[in-house]
Amino acid sequence: MAVEIPEFRIQNSTAMDAFGKIAIISASDLDEDPDNIQHALEMIQSYRDAISTSSSSLSGLRDNVAEVPRMTKAFNRARKRTVAIMDDLLVQFRSAANQAADVEGLLNRMIESPNDRAQ
């Protein structure tokens, strides 16, 4: 999992950046269907909900792993490393949720002020 976390960060950042850019480009199209923007908003909200649920579950698992009693030296090292990896993933989940919230805010502004979309 430690190898996949940086890839998740890169892919999520790329996706959110692209999503934001697409929203900005489509904002200049005065004929943009508000239903398309609403659908995109619902998708981002669903993504953020999934991140929140996953983060909550992972946090609980992380706490349980951290509370496992000390055993052998190898087990203790593995437990400590596992907790550190989960902590890193939780940080990436928070970052992903924040990026999604930024895109969500942009989409909400587009829905609330359709006359300002061309700006």
N, C-alpha and C. Protein backbone atom coordinates (compact mmCIF):
# COMPACT_ATOMS: atom_id res chain seq x y z
N MET A 1 0.83 -1.19 0.00
CA MET A 1 0.00 0.00 0.00
C MET A 1 0.87 1.26 0.00
N ALA A 2 2.03 1.20 0.61
CA ALA A 2 2.90 2.38 0.68
C ALA A 2 3.29 2.86 -0.72
N VAL A 3 3.42 1.94 -1.65
CA VAL A 3 3.79 2.29 -3.02
C VAL A 3 2.62 2.96 -3.75
N GLU A 4 1.42 2.60 -3.41
CA GLU A 4 0.24 3.11 -4.10
C GLU A 4 -0.20 4.49 -3.62
N ILE A 5 0.16 4.88 -2.42
CA ILE A 5 -0.29 6.17 -1.88
C ILE A 5 0.20 7.35 -2.72
N PRO A 6 1.49 7.41 -3.08
CA PRO A 6 1.92 8.53 -3.95
C PRO A 6 1.19 8.54 -5.30
N GLU A 7 0.91 7.35 -5.84
CA GLU A 7 0.18 7.27 -7.10
C GLU A 7 -1.25 7.79 -6.93
N PHE A 8 -1.88 7.45 -5.81
CA PHE A 8 -3.22 7.97 -5.51
C PHE A 8 -3.19 9.49 -5.45
N ARG A 9 -2.19 10.05 -4.76
CA ARG A 9 -2.08 11.50 -4.64
C ARG A 9 -1.95 12.15 -6.01
N ILE A 10 -1.08 11.59 -6.84
CA ILE A 10 -0.86 12.14 -8.18
C ILE A 10 -2.13 12.05 -9.02
N GLN A 11 -2.76 10.90 -9.04
CA GLN A 11 -3.95 10.70 -9.87
C GLN A 11 -5.11 11.56 -9.39
N ASN A 12 -5.28 11.66 -8.08
CA ASN A 12 -6.36 12.50 -7.55
C ASN A 12 -6.13 13.96 -7.89
N SER A 13 -4.90 14.44 -7.70
CA SER A 13 -4.60 15.83 -8.03
C SER A 13 -4.83 16.11 -9.51
N THR A 14 -4.39 15.20 -10.34
CA THR A 14 -4.58 15.35 -11.79
C THR A 14 -6.07 15.40 -12.13
N ALA A 15 -6.84 14.50 -11.54
CA ALA A 15 -8.27 14.45 -11.82
C ALA A 15 -8.98 15.72 -11.34
N MET A 16 -8.68 16.17 -10.15
CA MET A 16 -9.35 17.36 -9.62
C MET A 16 -8.94 18.61 -10.39
N ASP A 17 -7.66 18.70 -10.75
CA ASP A 17 -7.21 19.84 -11.58
C ASP A 17 -7.94 19.85 -12.92
N ALA A 18 -8.00 18.67 -13.54
CA ALA A 18 -8.69 18.57 -14.84
C ALA A 18 -10.17 18.90 -14.70
N PHE A 19 -10.77 18.40 -13.64
CA PHE A 19 -12.20 18.66 -13.41
C PHE A 19 -12.44 20.16 -13.26
N GLY A 20 -11.59 20.82 -12.49
CA GLY A 20 -11.72 22.27 -12.31
C GLY A 20 -11.54 23.02 -13.61
N LYS A 21 -10.56 22.61 -14.41
CA LYS A 21 -10.31 23.26 -15.69
C LYS A 21 -11.49 23.06 -16.65
N ILE A 22 -12.02 21.86 -16.66
CA ILE A 22 -13.18 21.59 -17.52
C ILE A 22 -14.36 22.45 -17.09
N ALA A 23 -14.55 22.58 -15.78
CA ALA A 23 -15.65 23.40 -15.28
C ALA A 23 -15.47 24.85 -15.70
N ILE A 24 -14.25 25.34 -15.62
CA ILE A 24 -13.98 26.73 -16.00
C ILE A 24 -14.20 26.93 -17.50
N ILE A 25 -13.72 25.98 -18.29
CA ILE A 25 -13.90 26.08 -19.74
C ILE A 25 -15.38 26.02 -20.09
N SER A 26 -16.11 25.11 -19.47
CA SER A 26 -17.53 25.01 -19.78
C SER A 26 -18.31 26.21 -19.27
N ALA A 27 -17.76 26.90 -18.27
CA ALA A 27 -18.42 28.10 -17.75
C ALA A 27 -18.46 29.19 -18.81
N SER A 28 -17.49 29.19 -19.70
CA SER A 28 -17.47 30.21 -20.75
C SER A 28 -18.49 29.92 -21.85
N ASP A 29 -19.03 28.71 -21.85
CA ASP A 29 -20.05 28.32 -22.83
C ASP A 29 -21.42 28.70 -22.25
N LEU A 30 -21.98 29.78 -22.73
CA LEU A 30 -23.24 30.27 -22.18
C LEU A 30 -24.39 29.30 -22.38
N ASP A 31 -24.23 28.37 -23.32
CA ASP A 31 -25.28 27.40 -23.58
C ASP A 31 -25.13 26.14 -22.73
N GLU A 32 -24.21 26.15 -21.79
CA GLU A 32 -23.98 24.97 -20.94
C GLU A 32 -25.26 24.60 -20.22
N ASP A 33 -25.62 23.36 -20.33
CA ASP A 33 -26.83 22.84 -19.71
C ASP A 33 -26.64 22.79 -18.19
N PRO A 34 -27.48 23.50 -17.43
CA PRO A 34 -27.35 23.48 -15.97
C PRO A 34 -27.47 22.08 -15.39
N ASP A 35 -28.17 21.19 -16.09
CA ASP A 35 -28.29 19.81 -15.62
C ASP A 35 -26.93 19.11 -15.66
N ASN A 36 -26.09 19.45 -16.65
CA ASN A 36 -24.75 18.87 -16.71
C ASN A 36 -23.91 19.32 -15.51
N ILE A 37 -24.02 20.58 -15.18
CA ILE A 37 -23.29 21.10 -14.02
C ILE A 37 -23.80 20.45 -12.75
N GLN A 38 -25.11 20.31 -12.64
CA GLN A 38 -25.70 19.67 -11.46
C GLN A 38 -25.24 18.22 -11.35
N HIS A 39 -25.20 17.53 -12.48
CA HIS A 39 -24.75 16.13 -12.47
C HIS A 39 -23.28 16.05 -12.04
N ALA A 40 -22.45 16.94 -12.54
CA ALA A 40 -21.04 16.97 -12.15
C ALA A 40 -20.92 17.25 -10.65
N LEU A 41 -21.74 18.16 -10.15
CA LEU A 41 -21.73 18.48 -8.72
C LEU A 41 -22.10 17.24 -7.90
N GLU A 42 -23.12 16.53 -8.34
CA GLU A 42 -23.54 15.31 -7.62
C GLU A 42 -22.44 14.26 -7.63
N MET A 43 -21.71 14.15 -8.73
CA MET A 43 -20.60 13.19 -8.81
C MET A 43 -19.49 13.56 -7.84
N ILE A 44 -19.15 14.84 -7.77
CA ILE A 44 -18.10 15.29 -6.85
C ILE A 44 -18.56 15.08 -5.41
N GLN A 45 -19.81 15.36 -5.12
CA GLN A 45 -20.32 15.14 -3.76
C GLN A 45 -20.29 13.67 -3.40
N SER A 46 -20.62 12.82 -4.34
CA SER A 46 -20.57 11.37 -4.12
C SER A 46 -19.14 10.92 -3.87
N TYR A 47 -18.21 11.47 -4.61
CA TYR A 47 -16.78 11.17 -4.43
C TYR A 47 -16.32 11.58 -3.03
N ARG A 48 -16.71 12.79 -2.63
CA ARG A 48 -16.33 13.26 -1.29
C ARG A 48 -16.95 12.40 -0.20
N ASP A 49 -18.20 11.98 -0.39
CA ASP A 49 -18.84 11.09 0.58
C ASP A 49 -18.09 9.77 0.68
N ALA A 50 -17.68 9.23 -0.46
CA ALA A 50 -16.93 7.96 -0.47
C ALA A 50 -15.59 8.12 0.25
N ILE A 51 -14.93 9.24 0.02
CA ILE A 51 -13.66 9.49 0.71
C ILE A 51 -13.90 9.59 2.21
N SER A 52 -14.95 10.28 2.60
CA SER A 52 -15.26 10.45 4.02
C SER A 52 -15.54 9.11 4.68
N THR A 53 -16.34 8.28 4.02
CA THR A 53 -16.67 6.96 4.56
C THR A 53 -15.41 6.09 4.66
N SER A 54 -14.60 6.10 3.61
CA SER A 54 -13.36 5.33 3.61
C SER A 54 -12.41 5.82 4.68
N SER A 55 -12.32 7.13 4.82
CA SER A 55 -11.44 7.72 5.81
C SER A 55 -11.85 7.33 7.22
N SER A 56 -13.14 7.36 7.46
CA SER A 56 -13.66 6.99 8.78
C SER A 56 -13.36 5.52 9.09
N SER A 57 -13.60 4.66 8.13
CA SER A 57 -13.32 3.23 8.32
C SER A 57 -11.83 2.98 8.53
N LEU A 58 -11.01 3.63 7.71
CA LEU A 58 -9.57 3.46 7.83
C LEU A 58 -9.06 3.97 9.17
N SER A 59 -9.63 5.07 9.62
CA SER A 59 -9.23 5.63 10.91
C SER A 59 -9.53 4.65 12.05
N GLY A 60 -10.68 4.02 11.99
CA GLY A 60 -11.02 3.02 12.99
C GLY A 60 -10.08 1.83 12.95
N LEU A 61 -9.78 1.35 11.75
CA LEU A 61 -8.84 0.24 11.61
C LEU A 61 -7.46 0.64 12.11
N ARG A 62 -7.03 1.83 11.77
CA ARG A 62 -5.73 2.33 12.21
C ARG A 62 -5.65 2.34 13.74
N ASP A 63 -6.71 2.83 14.38
CA ASP A 63 -6.73 2.87 15.84
C ASP A 63 -6.67 1.47 16.44
N ASN A 64 -7.39 0.53 15.82
CA ASN A 64 -7.37 -0.86 16.31
C ASN A 64 -5.99 -1.48 16.15
N VAL A 65 -5.35 -1.24 15.02
CA VAL A 65 -4.00 -1.79 14.80
C VAL A 65 -3.02 -1.17 15.79
N ALA A 66 -3.15 0.13 16.03
CA ALA A 66 -2.24 0.82 16.95
C ALA A 66 -2.39 0.30 18.38
N GLU A 67 -3.57 -0.19 18.73
CA GLU A 67 -3.83 -0.66 20.09
C GLU A 67 -3.48 -2.13 20.31
N VAL A 68 -3.08 -2.82 19.26
CA VAL A 68 -2.69 -4.23 19.42
C VAL A 68 -1.48 -4.28 20.36
N PRO A 69 -1.52 -5.15 21.34
CA PRO A 69 -0.41 -5.21 22.31
C PRO A 69 0.92 -5.57 21.64
N ARG A 70 1.98 -5.14 22.27
CA ARG A 70 3.32 -5.45 21.79
C ARG A 70 3.54 -6.95 21.86
N MET A 71 4.28 -7.45 20.87
CA MET A 71 4.59 -8.88 20.82
C MET A 71 6.07 -9.05 20.50
N THR A 72 6.34 -9.63 19.36
CA THR A 72 7.74 -9.82 18.98
C THR A 72 8.29 -8.54 18.36
N LYS A 73 9.59 -8.48 18.26
CA LYS A 73 10.24 -7.31 17.67
C LYS A 73 9.78 -7.09 16.22
N ALA A 74 9.73 -8.17 15.44
CA ALA A 74 9.31 -8.06 14.04
C ALA A 74 7.85 -7.62 13.94
N PHE A 75 7.00 -8.17 14.78
CA PHE A 75 5.59 -7.79 14.78
C PHE A 75 5.42 -6.33 15.16
N ASN A 76 6.15 -5.88 16.16
CA ASN A 76 6.05 -4.49 16.61
C ASN A 76 6.47 -3.53 15.50
N ARG A 77 7.54 -3.88 14.78
CA ARG A 77 7.99 -3.04 13.65
C ARG A 77 6.92 -3.01 12.55
N ALA A 78 6.37 -4.17 12.26
CA ALA A 78 5.34 -4.25 11.22
C ALA A 78 4.10 -3.44 11.62
N ARG A 79 3.70 -3.53 12.86
CA ARG A 79 2.54 -2.78 13.36
C ARG A 79 2.80 -1.28 13.25
N LYS A 80 3.99 -0.87 13.67
CA LYS A 80 4.35 0.55 13.61
C LYS A 80 4.36 1.05 12.16
N ARG A 81 4.91 0.25 11.26
CA ARG A 81 4.96 0.62 9.85
C ARG A 81 3.54 0.68 9.26
N THR A 82 2.71 -0.26 9.62
CA THR A 82 1.32 -0.28 9.14
C THR A 82 0.58 0.97 9.58
N VAL A 83 0.75 1.35 10.84
CA VAL A 83 0.09 2.56 11.36
C VAL A 83 0.60 3.79 10.61
N ALA A 84 1.90 3.85 10.35
CA ALA A 84 2.47 5.00 9.62
C ALA A 84 1.91 5.09 8.20
N ILE A 85 1.76 3.96 7.55
CA ILE A 85 1.21 3.95 6.19
C ILE A 85 -0.25 4.39 6.21
N MET A 86 -0.99 3.89 7.19
CA MET A 86 -2.39 4.31 7.30
C MET A 86 -2.50 5.80 7.60
N ASP A 87 -1.60 6.32 8.42
CA ASP A 87 -1.59 7.76 8.70
C ASP A 87 -1.35 8.55 7.41
N ASP A 88 -0.42 8.08 6.60
CA ASP A 88 -0.13 8.74 5.33
C ASP A 88 -1.35 8.70 4.41
N LEU A 89 -2.01 7.57 4.35
CA LEU A 89 -3.20 7.45 3.51
C LEU A 89 -4.31 8.36 4.02
N LEU A 90 -4.46 8.47 5.33
CA LEU A 90 -5.48 9.37 5.89
C LEU A 90 -5.20 10.82 5.51
N VAL A 91 -3.92 11.20 5.51
CA VAL A 91 -3.54 12.56 5.08
C VAL A 91 -3.93 12.76 3.61
N GLN A 92 -3.67 11.75 2.79
CA GLN A 92 -4.02 11.85 1.37
C GLN A 92 -5.53 11.91 1.16
N PHE A 93 -6.27 11.16 1.97
CA PHE A 93 -7.74 11.24 1.90
C PHE A 93 -8.23 12.64 2.25
N ARG A 94 -7.66 13.24 3.29
CA ARG A 94 -8.06 14.60 3.67
C ARG A 94 -7.75 15.58 2.54
N SER A 95 -6.59 15.42 1.95
CA SER A 95 -6.20 16.28 0.83
C SER A 95 -7.16 16.10 -0.35
N ALA A 96 -7.50 14.86 -0.66
CA ALA A 96 -8.43 14.58 -1.75
C ALA A 96 -9.80 15.18 -1.47
N ALA A 97 -10.25 15.07 -0.23
CA ALA A 97 -11.55 15.65 0.15
C ALA A 97 -11.51 17.17 0.02
N ASN A 98 -10.40 17.79 0.40
CA ASN A 98 -10.28 19.24 0.27
C ASN A 98 -10.27 19.67 -1.19
N GLN A 99 -9.58 18.92 -2.04
CA GLN A 99 -9.57 19.25 -3.46
C GLN A 99 -10.96 19.09 -4.06
N ALA A 100 -11.64 18.04 -3.68
CA ALA A 100 -13.00 17.82 -4.18
C ALA A 100 -13.93 18.93 -3.68
N ALA A 101 -13.73 19.38 -2.45
CA ALA A 101 -14.55 20.48 -1.92
C ALA A 101 -14.32 21.76 -2.71
N ASP A 102 -13.09 22.00 -3.14
CA ASP A 102 -12.80 23.18 -3.96
C ASP A 102 -13.56 23.11 -5.29
N VAL A 103 -13.52 21.95 -5.93
CA VAL A 103 -14.25 21.77 -7.19
C VAL A 103 -15.75 21.89 -6.95
N GLU A 104 -16.21 21.32 -5.84
CA GLU A 104 -17.62 21.41 -5.49
C GLU A 104 -18.04 22.87 -5.32
N GLY A 105 -17.21 23.66 -4.66
CA GLY A 105 -17.50 25.08 -4.49
C GLY A 105 -17.58 25.80 -5.83
N LEU A 106 -16.67 25.48 -6.73
CA LEU A 106 -16.69 26.08 -8.06
C LEU A 106 -17.98 25.73 -8.79
N LEU A 107 -18.38 24.48 -8.73
CA LEU A 107 -19.61 24.06 -9.39
C LEU A 107 -20.84 24.71 -8.76
N ASN A 108 -20.85 24.83 -7.45
CA ASN A 108 -21.96 25.50 -6.77
C ASN A 108 -22.07 26.96 -7.21
N ARG A 109 -20.92 27.63 -7.33
CA ARG A 109 -20.94 29.02 -7.78
C ARG A 109 -21.46 29.12 -9.21
N MET A 110 -21.12 28.14 -10.04
CA MET A 110 -21.60 28.14 -11.42
C MET A 110 -23.11 27.96 -11.46
N ILE A 111 -23.65 27.12 -10.59
CA ILE A 111 -25.10 26.89 -10.55
C ILE A 111 -25.83 28.10 -9.99
N GLU A 112 -25.26 28.72 -8.95
CA GLU A 112 -25.91 29.84 -8.28
C GLU A 112 -25.91 31.12 -9.12
N SER A 113 -24.88 31.31 -9.92
CA SER A 113 -24.81 32.55 -10.70
C SER A 113 -24.57 32.24 -12.17
N PRO A 114 -25.59 31.78 -12.87
CA PRO A 114 -25.43 31.42 -14.28
C PRO A 114 -25.03 32.60 -15.15
N ASN A 115 -25.35 33.80 -14.77
CA ASN A 115 -24.98 34.97 -15.57
C ASN A 115 -23.51 35.28 -15.48
N ASP A 116 -22.84 34.79 -14.43
CA ASP A 116 -21.42 35.07 -14.23
C ASP A 116 -20.56 33.98 -14.86
N ARG A 117 -21.12 32.98 -15.50
CA ARG A 117 -20.35 31.86 -16.03
C ARG A 117 -19.38 32.28 -17.12
N ALA A 118 -19.71 33.30 -17.84
CA ALA A 118 -18.85 33.71 -18.95
C ALA A 118 -17.63 34.47 -18.47
N GLN A 119 -17.58 34.83 -17.21
CA GLN A 119 -16.46 35.63 -16.71
C GLN A 119 -15.31 34.78 -16.27
